[in-house]
Amino acid sequence: MPKEQKSEKPASTYQETYNKRTPREIWCGQVHSTIEEAIVHAERNLGMRGKSAQPYWGTTRFSDSVVAGWMVNDRKRYRLDFANDFEAENRAAAEWAGTNLLKGSKGVHVNEENFDDPQHPSVSKVCHPTEASLQWADTYWNKWTRQYRQR
């Protein structure tokens, strides 16, 4: 005797809202030519330009413990990042980000994180793509980390 197949229940409003795939980051609106230019833009957006900041320790695919960026508190920070598979990420982001260079032309970008931003409550990051190479990013990470590494 064959079993009757149950029909799928329609998704609830809650499920539609919270299971919808939405971008976790948005584009800052420009492609920066240098890492420094992207950092200045992120600092201005966060209101931390020219203010005292603490190192933000993180990891990269190359190192377990580096100063990856800077923060004014646990809710406002920026970090220098590298997307290994940036070409695929750029293609995927082109549909919703408004640019096909969200992760930069070589994968190097600055992520601005402001968890108290009332303008973008559902988004955790603003992405600042750069035209810089991984070698430049590595130079920044090493320079920042050397200042705080125990000797």
N, C-alpha and C. Protein backbone atom coordinates (compact mmCIF):
# COMPACT_ATOMS: atom_id res chain seq x y z
N MET A 1 0.83 -1.17 0.00
CA MET A 1 0.00 0.00 0.00
C MET A 1 0.89 1.26 0.00
N PRO A 2 0.79 2.10 -1.02
CA PRO A 2 1.66 3.29 -1.08
C PRO A 2 1.25 4.33 -0.05
N LYS A 3 2.27 4.94 0.52
CA LYS A 3 2.01 6.01 1.50
C LYS A 3 1.69 7.30 0.77
N GLU A 4 0.81 8.03 1.35
CA GLU A 4 0.49 9.33 0.78
C GLU A 4 1.61 10.31 1.12
N GLN A 5 1.99 11.09 0.16
CA GLN A 5 3.03 12.09 0.42
C GLN A 5 2.38 13.33 1.01
N LYS A 6 3.04 13.84 2.03
CA LYS A 6 2.53 15.05 2.67
C LYS A 6 2.89 16.26 1.82
N SER A 7 2.00 17.16 1.72
CA SER A 7 2.30 18.39 0.99
C SER A 7 3.10 19.33 1.89
N GLU A 8 3.94 20.11 1.29
CA GLU A 8 4.77 21.06 2.03
C GLU A 8 3.91 22.18 2.61
N LYS A 9 4.19 22.51 3.84
CA LYS A 9 3.50 23.65 4.45
C LYS A 9 4.14 24.93 3.93
N PRO A 10 3.35 25.94 3.70
CA PRO A 10 3.97 27.21 3.29
C PRO A 10 4.80 27.77 4.45
N ALA A 11 5.85 28.48 4.08
CA ALA A 11 6.74 29.07 5.09
C ALA A 11 6.00 30.16 5.86
N SER A 12 6.29 30.23 7.14
CA SER A 12 5.70 31.28 7.97
C SER A 12 6.39 32.61 7.67
N THR A 13 5.81 33.68 8.14
CA THR A 13 6.41 35.01 7.96
C THR A 13 7.79 35.04 8.61
N TYR A 14 7.91 34.44 9.78
CA TYR A 14 9.20 34.37 10.47
C TYR A 14 10.23 33.65 9.60
N GLN A 15 9.86 32.50 9.05
CA GLN A 15 10.78 31.74 8.22
C GLN A 15 11.16 32.51 6.96
N GLU A 16 10.20 33.18 6.37
CA GLU A 16 10.49 33.96 5.17
C GLU A 16 11.47 35.09 5.48
N THR A 17 11.29 35.70 6.63
CA THR A 17 12.15 36.81 7.01
C THR A 17 13.56 36.36 7.35
N TYR A 18 13.68 35.33 8.18
CA TYR A 18 14.99 34.95 8.71
C TYR A 18 15.73 33.89 7.92
N ASN A 19 15.05 33.22 7.01
CA ASN A 19 15.73 32.23 6.17
C ASN A 19 16.08 32.78 4.80
N LYS A 20 15.68 34.01 4.55
CA LYS A 20 16.00 34.65 3.29
C LYS A 20 17.49 34.97 3.27
N ARG A 21 18.15 34.59 2.19
CA ARG A 21 19.58 34.86 2.08
C ARG A 21 19.79 36.32 1.75
N THR A 22 20.41 37.03 2.66
CA THR A 22 20.67 38.45 2.44
C THR A 22 22.16 38.71 2.58
N PRO A 23 22.66 39.75 1.98
CA PRO A 23 24.08 40.05 2.10
C PRO A 23 24.43 40.46 3.52
N ARG A 24 25.57 39.99 3.98
CA ARG A 24 26.06 40.38 5.31
C ARG A 24 26.91 41.63 5.23
N GLU A 25 27.23 42.04 4.02
CA GLU A 25 28.05 43.24 3.87
C GLU A 25 27.56 44.05 2.68
N ILE A 26 27.85 45.34 2.73
CA ILE A 26 27.48 46.22 1.63
C ILE A 26 28.73 46.92 1.12
N TRP A 27 28.63 47.47 -0.06
CA TRP A 27 29.73 48.16 -0.70
C TRP A 27 29.79 49.60 -0.21
N CYS A 28 30.98 50.11 0.00
CA CYS A 28 31.15 51.48 0.48
C CYS A 28 30.84 52.52 -0.59
N GLY A 29 30.82 52.12 -1.86
CA GLY A 29 30.48 53.03 -2.93
C GLY A 29 31.64 53.39 -3.85
N GLN A 30 32.85 52.96 -3.50
CA GLN A 30 33.98 53.24 -4.38
C GLN A 30 35.04 52.16 -4.25
N VAL A 31 35.86 52.04 -5.30
CA VAL A 31 37.02 51.14 -5.26
C VAL A 31 38.22 52.01 -4.95
N HIS A 32 38.90 51.71 -3.86
CA HIS A 32 40.04 52.52 -3.41
C HIS A 32 41.32 52.06 -4.10
N SER A 33 42.16 53.02 -4.46
CA SER A 33 43.40 52.65 -5.14
C SER A 33 44.44 52.10 -4.17
N THR A 34 44.37 52.50 -2.90
CA THR A 34 45.35 52.02 -1.92
C THR A 34 44.65 51.55 -0.64
N ILE A 35 45.38 50.80 0.16
CA ILE A 35 44.87 50.36 1.45
C ILE A 35 44.67 51.56 2.36
N GLU A 36 45.60 52.49 2.34
CA GLU A 36 45.51 53.68 3.21
C GLU A 36 44.24 54.48 2.91
N GLU A 37 43.92 54.62 1.64
CA GLU A 37 42.70 55.35 1.24
C GLU A 37 41.45 54.64 1.78
N ALA A 38 41.42 53.32 1.72
CA ALA A 38 40.29 52.55 2.25
C ALA A 38 40.19 52.68 3.77
N ILE A 39 41.34 52.68 4.44
CA ILE A 39 41.36 52.81 5.90
C ILE A 39 40.83 54.18 6.32
N VAL A 40 41.26 55.23 5.64
CA VAL A 40 40.79 56.59 5.95
C VAL A 40 39.28 56.67 5.77
N HIS A 41 38.75 56.09 4.70
CA HIS A 41 37.31 56.09 4.46
C HIS A 41 36.57 55.36 5.58
N ALA A 42 37.08 54.19 5.98
CA ALA A 42 36.45 53.42 7.07
C ALA A 42 36.51 54.18 8.40
N GLU A 43 37.67 54.78 8.69
CA GLU A 43 37.82 55.54 9.94
C GLU A 43 36.85 56.72 9.99
N ARG A 44 36.68 57.40 8.89
CA ARG A 44 35.74 58.53 8.85
C ARG A 44 34.30 58.05 9.07
N ASN A 45 33.95 56.95 8.43
CA ASN A 45 32.60 56.41 8.60
C ASN A 45 32.34 55.99 10.04
N LEU A 46 33.35 55.46 10.71
CA LEU A 46 33.21 54.99 12.09
C LEU A 46 33.36 56.12 13.11
N GLY A 47 33.78 57.30 12.66
CA GLY A 47 33.99 58.42 13.57
C GLY A 47 35.23 58.26 14.43
N MET A 48 36.21 57.50 13.94
CA MET A 48 37.41 57.27 14.74
C MET A 48 38.66 57.87 14.11
N ARG A 49 38.52 58.64 13.06
CA ARG A 49 39.67 59.26 12.41
C ARG A 49 40.35 60.22 13.36
N GLY A 50 41.65 60.01 13.61
CA GLY A 50 42.42 60.87 14.49
C GLY A 50 42.24 60.58 15.97
N LYS A 51 41.45 59.57 16.31
CA LYS A 51 41.23 59.23 17.71
C LYS A 51 42.09 58.02 18.08
N SER A 52 42.28 57.85 19.37
CA SER A 52 43.05 56.71 19.87
C SER A 52 42.30 55.41 19.59
N ALA A 53 43.02 54.40 19.13
CA ALA A 53 42.41 53.11 18.82
C ALA A 53 43.28 51.98 19.38
N GLN A 54 42.65 50.87 19.65
CA GLN A 54 43.34 49.69 20.16
C GLN A 54 43.53 48.69 19.02
N PRO A 55 44.58 47.88 19.09
CA PRO A 55 44.76 46.88 18.04
C PRO A 55 43.65 45.84 18.07
N TYR A 56 43.23 45.43 16.92
CA TYR A 56 42.24 44.35 16.79
C TYR A 56 42.98 43.11 16.33
N TRP A 57 43.14 42.16 17.24
CA TRP A 57 43.88 40.93 16.95
C TRP A 57 42.98 39.97 16.20
N GLY A 58 43.52 39.35 15.19
CA GLY A 58 42.75 38.40 14.40
C GLY A 58 43.67 37.36 13.80
N THR A 59 43.12 36.61 12.88
CA THR A 59 43.90 35.60 12.18
C THR A 59 43.79 35.84 10.69
N THR A 60 44.77 35.37 9.99
CA THR A 60 44.73 35.36 8.53
C THR A 60 45.00 33.91 8.12
N ARG A 61 44.89 33.64 6.85
CA ARG A 61 45.19 32.27 6.42
C ARG A 61 46.68 31.99 6.50
N PHE A 62 47.46 33.03 6.78
CA PHE A 62 48.92 32.88 6.84
C PHE A 62 49.45 32.86 8.26
N SER A 63 48.68 33.38 9.21
CA SER A 63 49.17 33.52 10.58
C SER A 63 48.02 33.40 11.57
N ASP A 64 48.33 32.87 12.75
CA ASP A 64 47.31 32.67 13.77
C ASP A 64 47.01 33.92 14.58
N SER A 65 47.98 34.78 14.74
CA SER A 65 47.77 35.92 15.62
C SER A 65 48.48 37.15 15.06
N VAL A 66 47.70 38.03 14.47
CA VAL A 66 48.23 39.28 13.92
C VAL A 66 47.31 40.43 14.30
N VAL A 67 47.85 41.63 14.26
CA VAL A 67 46.99 42.80 14.37
C VAL A 67 46.38 42.97 12.98
N ALA A 68 45.10 42.63 12.88
CA ALA A 68 44.41 42.64 11.58
C ALA A 68 43.73 43.98 11.32
N GLY A 69 43.61 44.81 12.36
CA GLY A 69 42.95 46.10 12.21
C GLY A 69 42.94 46.85 13.52
N TRP A 70 42.01 47.80 13.64
CA TRP A 70 41.96 48.69 14.80
C TRP A 70 40.53 48.87 15.26
N MET A 71 40.33 49.10 16.56
CA MET A 71 38.99 49.27 17.09
C MET A 71 38.97 50.37 18.15
N VAL A 72 37.82 51.03 18.26
CA VAL A 72 37.64 52.01 19.33
C VAL A 72 36.90 51.35 20.49
N ASN A 73 36.11 50.33 20.19
CA ASN A 73 35.45 49.50 21.21
C ASN A 73 35.03 48.19 20.54
N ASP A 74 34.35 47.34 21.28
CA ASP A 74 33.97 46.04 20.74
C ASP A 74 32.90 46.14 19.66
N ARG A 75 32.29 47.29 19.51
CA ARG A 75 31.19 47.45 18.55
C ARG A 75 31.58 48.23 17.29
N LYS A 76 32.76 48.87 17.30
CA LYS A 76 33.23 49.64 16.14
C LYS A 76 34.68 49.30 15.86
N ARG A 77 34.93 48.81 14.64
CA ARG A 77 36.30 48.44 14.28
C ARG A 77 36.41 48.31 12.76
N TYR A 78 37.65 48.24 12.30
CA TYR A 78 37.89 47.89 10.90
C TYR A 78 39.07 46.93 10.87
N ARG A 79 39.08 46.12 9.82
CA ARG A 79 40.19 45.19 9.67
C ARG A 79 40.54 45.03 8.20
N LEU A 80 41.80 44.81 7.98
CA LEU A 80 42.31 44.57 6.64
C LEU A 80 42.15 43.09 6.35
N ASP A 81 41.59 42.75 5.22
CA ASP A 81 41.25 41.36 4.93
C ASP A 81 41.67 40.99 3.51
N PHE A 82 41.77 39.69 3.29
CA PHE A 82 42.09 39.15 1.97
C PHE A 82 41.13 38.02 1.67
N ALA A 83 40.50 38.07 0.51
CA ALA A 83 39.61 36.99 0.07
C ALA A 83 40.37 36.12 -0.90
N ASN A 84 40.64 34.89 -0.49
CA ASN A 84 41.43 33.99 -1.32
C ASN A 84 40.74 33.72 -2.66
N ASP A 85 39.45 33.46 -2.63
CA ASP A 85 38.69 33.17 -3.84
C ASP A 85 37.89 34.41 -4.24
N PHE A 86 38.59 35.54 -4.36
CA PHE A 86 37.92 36.82 -4.57
C PHE A 86 37.17 36.90 -5.89
N GLU A 87 37.65 36.22 -6.92
CA GLU A 87 36.95 36.30 -8.21
C GLU A 87 35.55 35.70 -8.12
N ALA A 88 35.44 34.55 -7.46
CA ALA A 88 34.12 33.93 -7.28
C ALA A 88 33.24 34.77 -6.36
N GLU A 89 33.83 35.30 -5.29
CA GLU A 89 33.07 36.15 -4.37
C GLU A 89 32.60 37.43 -5.06
N ASN A 90 33.44 38.00 -5.91
CA ASN A 90 33.05 39.19 -6.66
C ASN A 90 31.90 38.89 -7.62
N ARG A 91 31.95 37.73 -8.29
CA ARG A 91 30.86 37.35 -9.21
C ARG A 91 29.55 37.19 -8.45
N ALA A 92 29.60 36.52 -7.30
CA ALA A 92 28.39 36.29 -6.50
C ALA A 92 27.84 37.62 -5.97
N ALA A 93 28.73 38.50 -5.55
CA ALA A 93 28.30 39.79 -4.97
C ALA A 93 27.77 40.75 -6.02
N ALA A 94 28.14 40.55 -7.28
CA ALA A 94 27.71 41.48 -8.34
C ALA A 94 26.19 41.58 -8.42
N GLU A 95 25.50 40.50 -8.03
CA GLU A 95 24.03 40.50 -8.11
C GLU A 95 23.40 41.47 -7.12
N TRP A 96 23.98 41.61 -5.92
CA TRP A 96 23.33 42.40 -4.88
C TRP A 96 24.14 43.58 -4.38
N ALA A 97 25.43 43.66 -4.69
CA ALA A 97 26.28 44.69 -4.10
C ALA A 97 26.37 45.98 -4.90
N GLY A 98 26.04 45.93 -6.17
CA GLY A 98 26.17 47.13 -6.98
C GLY A 98 27.54 47.30 -7.59
N THR A 99 28.41 46.31 -7.39
CA THR A 99 29.75 46.33 -7.98
C THR A 99 30.20 44.90 -8.20
N ASN A 100 31.07 44.71 -9.18
CA ASN A 100 31.65 43.38 -9.38
C ASN A 100 33.06 43.31 -8.78
N LEU A 101 33.39 44.30 -7.94
CA LEU A 101 34.69 44.32 -7.28
C LEU A 101 34.55 44.49 -5.77
N LEU A 102 33.55 43.84 -5.16
CA LEU A 102 33.33 44.00 -3.72
C LEU A 102 34.56 43.61 -2.90
N LYS A 103 35.27 42.58 -3.32
CA LYS A 103 36.45 42.12 -2.58
C LYS A 103 37.75 42.67 -3.17
N GLY A 104 37.65 43.67 -4.01
CA GLY A 104 38.83 44.30 -4.60
C GLY A 104 39.29 43.59 -5.86
N SER A 105 40.16 44.26 -6.60
CA SER A 105 40.63 43.70 -7.86
C SER A 105 41.64 42.57 -7.65
N LYS A 106 42.24 42.50 -6.44
CA LYS A 106 43.20 41.43 -6.13
C LYS A 106 42.86 40.73 -4.82
N GLY A 107 41.65 40.95 -4.30
CA GLY A 107 41.21 40.27 -3.09
C GLY A 107 41.44 41.02 -1.79
N VAL A 108 42.17 42.12 -1.84
CA VAL A 108 42.47 42.89 -0.62
C VAL A 108 41.39 43.94 -0.41
N HIS A 109 40.84 43.96 0.79
CA HIS A 109 39.78 44.91 1.12
C HIS A 109 39.80 45.21 2.62
N VAL A 110 39.13 46.29 3.00
CA VAL A 110 39.01 46.67 4.40
C VAL A 110 37.55 46.47 4.79
N ASN A 111 37.32 45.73 5.87
CA ASN A 111 35.97 45.53 6.39
C ASN A 111 35.74 46.48 7.55
N GLU A 112 34.76 47.32 7.40
CA GLU A 112 34.34 48.26 8.46
C GLU A 112 33.18 47.61 9.19
N GLU A 113 33.28 47.48 10.50
CA GLU A 113 32.23 46.83 11.28
C GLU A 113 31.72 47.78 12.35
N ASN A 114 30.44 48.14 12.22
CA ASN A 114 29.79 49.02 13.18
C ASN A 114 28.47 48.37 13.57
N PHE A 115 28.47 47.68 14.70
CA PHE A 115 27.30 46.92 15.12
C PHE A 115 26.20 47.81 15.72
N ASP A 116 26.49 49.10 15.88
CA ASP A 116 25.51 50.04 16.41
C ASP A 116 24.95 50.97 15.34
N ASP A 117 25.20 50.68 14.08
CA ASP A 117 24.80 51.54 12.98
C ASP A 117 23.29 51.46 12.73
N PRO A 118 22.55 52.53 13.02
CA PRO A 118 21.10 52.48 12.81
C PRO A 118 20.70 52.48 11.34
N GLN A 119 21.62 52.93 10.45
CA GLN A 119 21.31 52.96 9.02
C GLN A 119 21.26 51.56 8.43
N HIS A 120 22.11 50.65 8.95
CA HIS A 120 22.22 49.29 8.41
C HIS A 120 22.13 48.26 9.52
N PRO A 121 20.98 48.12 10.17
CA PRO A 121 20.88 47.20 11.31
C PRO A 121 21.03 45.72 10.93
N SER A 122 20.71 45.35 9.68
CA SER A 122 20.78 43.95 9.30
C SER A 122 22.12 43.58 8.67
N VAL A 123 22.99 44.56 8.48
CA VAL A 123 24.28 44.32 7.84
C VAL A 123 25.38 44.52 8.86
N SER A 124 26.33 43.60 8.89
CA SER A 124 27.39 43.73 9.89
C SER A 124 28.65 44.39 9.35
N LYS A 125 28.80 44.45 8.02
CA LYS A 125 30.05 44.99 7.47
C LYS A 125 29.82 45.91 6.28
N VAL A 126 30.69 46.90 6.18
CA VAL A 126 30.78 47.71 4.97
C VAL A 126 32.14 47.36 4.38
N CYS A 127 32.14 46.95 3.12
CA CYS A 127 33.36 46.49 2.47
C CYS A 127 33.97 47.62 1.64
N HIS A 128 35.27 47.86 1.86
CA HIS A 128 36.02 48.87 1.12
C HIS A 128 37.03 48.15 0.22
N PRO A 129 36.68 47.89 -1.04
CA PRO A 129 37.61 47.17 -1.93
C PRO A 129 38.79 48.05 -2.33
N THR A 130 39.93 47.40 -2.54
CA THR A 130 41.12 48.13 -2.97
C THR A 130 41.70 47.49 -4.24
N GLU A 131 42.63 48.19 -4.83
CA GLU A 131 43.38 47.66 -5.96
C GLU A 131 44.75 47.16 -5.51
N ALA A 132 44.96 47.09 -4.20
CA ALA A 132 46.25 46.69 -3.64
C ALA A 132 46.46 45.19 -3.73
N SER A 133 47.71 44.79 -3.69
CA SER A 133 48.06 43.38 -3.76
C SER A 133 48.16 42.77 -2.35
N LEU A 134 48.20 41.46 -2.30
CA LEU A 134 48.36 40.75 -1.04
C LEU A 134 49.69 41.12 -0.37
N GLN A 135 50.70 41.39 -1.16
CA GLN A 135 52.00 41.78 -0.60
C GLN A 135 51.88 43.07 0.22
N TRP A 136 51.07 44.02 -0.25
CA TRP A 136 50.86 45.25 0.53
C TRP A 136 50.12 44.96 1.82
N ALA A 137 49.10 44.11 1.75
CA ALA A 137 48.34 43.75 2.96
C ALA A 137 49.26 43.09 3.97
N ASP A 138 50.10 42.20 3.51
CA ASP A 138 51.04 41.50 4.40
C ASP A 138 51.99 42.50 5.06
N THR A 139 52.40 43.52 4.34
CA THR A 139 53.27 44.56 4.90
C THR A 139 52.57 45.29 6.04
N TYR A 140 51.30 45.63 5.84
CA TYR A 140 50.53 46.29 6.90
C TYR A 140 50.40 45.38 8.12
N TRP A 141 50.00 44.12 7.92
CA TRP A 141 49.83 43.20 9.05
C TRP A 141 51.12 43.05 9.85
N ASN A 142 52.25 42.90 9.14
CA ASN A 142 53.54 42.76 9.83
C ASN A 142 53.93 44.02 10.59
N LYS A 143 53.72 45.16 9.98
CA LYS A 143 54.06 46.44 10.62
C LYS A 143 53.24 46.63 11.89
N TRP A 144 51.92 46.41 11.81
CA TRP A 144 51.05 46.59 12.97
C TRP A 144 51.39 45.59 14.08
N THR A 145 51.64 44.35 13.70
CA THR A 145 51.89 43.29 14.69
C THR A 145 53.22 43.51 15.41
N ARG A 146 54.24 43.95 14.69
CA ARG A 146 55.55 44.19 15.29
C ARG A 146 55.48 45.19 16.44
N GLN A 147 54.56 46.14 16.38
CA GLN A 147 54.43 47.14 17.42
C GLN A 147 53.96 46.55 18.74
N TYR A 148 53.24 45.43 18.70
CA TYR A 148 52.61 44.89 19.89
C TYR A 148 53.08 43.49 20.27
N ARG A 149 53.92 42.90 19.47
CA ARG A 149 54.39 41.53 19.74
C ARG A 149 55.31 41.54 20.95
N GLN A 150 55.14 40.55 21.83
CA GLN A 150 56.02 40.41 23.01
C GLN A 150 57.43 40.04 22.52
N ARG A 151 58.43 40.64 23.13
CA ARG A 151 59.82 40.33 22.70
C ARG A 151 60.50 39.46 23.70
